[in-house]
Amino acid sequence: MKYLKFSQYIYIIAGLYFLYDCIATWNADRSHAYLSLFLFALATFMFFFRRHFHKKYDDRNNKQ
């Protein structure tokens, strides 16, 4: 279960990629940039969501 601790950071890496893609394609293809912006927001949300539940899981295991 050690990989669950590090898997949340994959979302940050993906989010940074989508933010870069959004900035790079903003003037060329606006609809693609909006899609990348949405995926950036989704990846950021998933990072915090996974981090919250990982801390909750750790607290539950440490309590027992």
Protein backbone atom coordinates (compact mmCIF):
# COMPACT_ATOMS: atom_id res chain seq x y z
CA MET A 1 0.00 0.00 0.00
CA LYS A 2 3.04 2.26 -0.07
CA TYR A 3 2.31 3.17 -3.69
CA LEU A 4 -0.93 4.90 -2.65
CA LYS A 5 1.13 7.49 -0.81
CA PHE A 6 2.96 8.45 -4.00
CA SER A 7 0.15 7.99 -6.51
CA GLN A 8 -1.45 11.29 -5.50
CA TYR A 9 1.55 13.15 -6.89
CA ILE A 10 0.89 11.73 -10.34
CA TYR A 11 -2.15 14.01 -10.43
CA ILE A 12 0.04 17.04 -9.74
CA ILE A 13 2.40 16.06 -12.55
CA ALA A 14 -0.52 15.54 -14.93
CA GLY A 15 -2.05 18.85 -13.84
CA LEU A 16 1.16 20.71 -14.56
CA TYR A 17 1.32 19.11 -17.99
CA PHE A 18 -2.26 20.15 -18.77
CA LEU A 19 -1.58 23.69 -17.55
CA TYR A 20 1.46 23.89 -19.83
CA ASP A 21 -0.60 22.52 -22.72
CA CYS A 22 -3.31 25.09 -22.05
CA ILE A 23 -0.85 27.97 -22.08
CA ALA A 24 0.94 26.66 -25.18
CA THR A 25 -2.24 26.25 -27.24
CA TRP A 26 -4.24 29.24 -25.96
CA ASN A 27 -3.79 31.38 -29.10
CA ALA A 28 -3.77 28.55 -31.64
CA ASP A 29 -6.75 26.41 -30.62
CA ARG A 30 -8.97 27.88 -27.93
CA SER A 31 -11.26 24.82 -27.60
CA HIS A 32 -8.28 22.54 -26.98
CA ALA A 33 -6.97 25.02 -24.42
CA TYR A 34 -10.30 24.97 -22.57
CA LEU A 35 -10.20 21.17 -22.48
CA SER A 36 -6.67 21.28 -21.06
CA LEU A 37 -7.77 23.85 -18.50
CA PHE A 38 -10.64 21.60 -17.43
CA LEU A 39 -8.30 18.61 -17.11
CA PHE A 40 -5.90 20.75 -15.06
CA ALA A 41 -8.72 21.64 -12.67
CA LEU A 42 -9.80 18.00 -12.48
CA ALA A 43 -6.26 16.78 -11.76
CA THR A 44 -5.84 19.41 -9.05
CA PHE A 45 -9.13 18.38 -7.45
CA MET A 46 -8.14 14.71 -7.58
CA PHE A 47 -4.81 15.49 -5.88
CA PHE A 48 -6.52 17.12 -2.91
CA PHE A 49 -9.23 14.46 -2.84
CA ARG A 50 -6.68 11.63 -2.75
CA ARG A 51 -4.56 13.44 -0.17
CA HIS A 52 -7.57 13.95 2.10
CA PHE A 53 -8.55 10.29 2.00
CA HIS A 54 -4.95 9.13 2.41
CA LYS A 55 -4.65 11.18 5.61
CA LYS A 56 -8.00 9.83 6.79
CA TYR A 57 -6.81 6.27 6.12
CA ASP A 58 -3.53 6.88 7.99
CA ASP A 59 -5.34 8.39 10.98
CA ARG A 60 -7.63 5.38 11.14
CA ASN A 61 -4.69 2.96 11.04
CA ASN A 62 -2.72 4.89 13.65
CA LYS A 63 -5.71 4.98 15.97
CA GLN A 64 -6.02 1.19 16.19
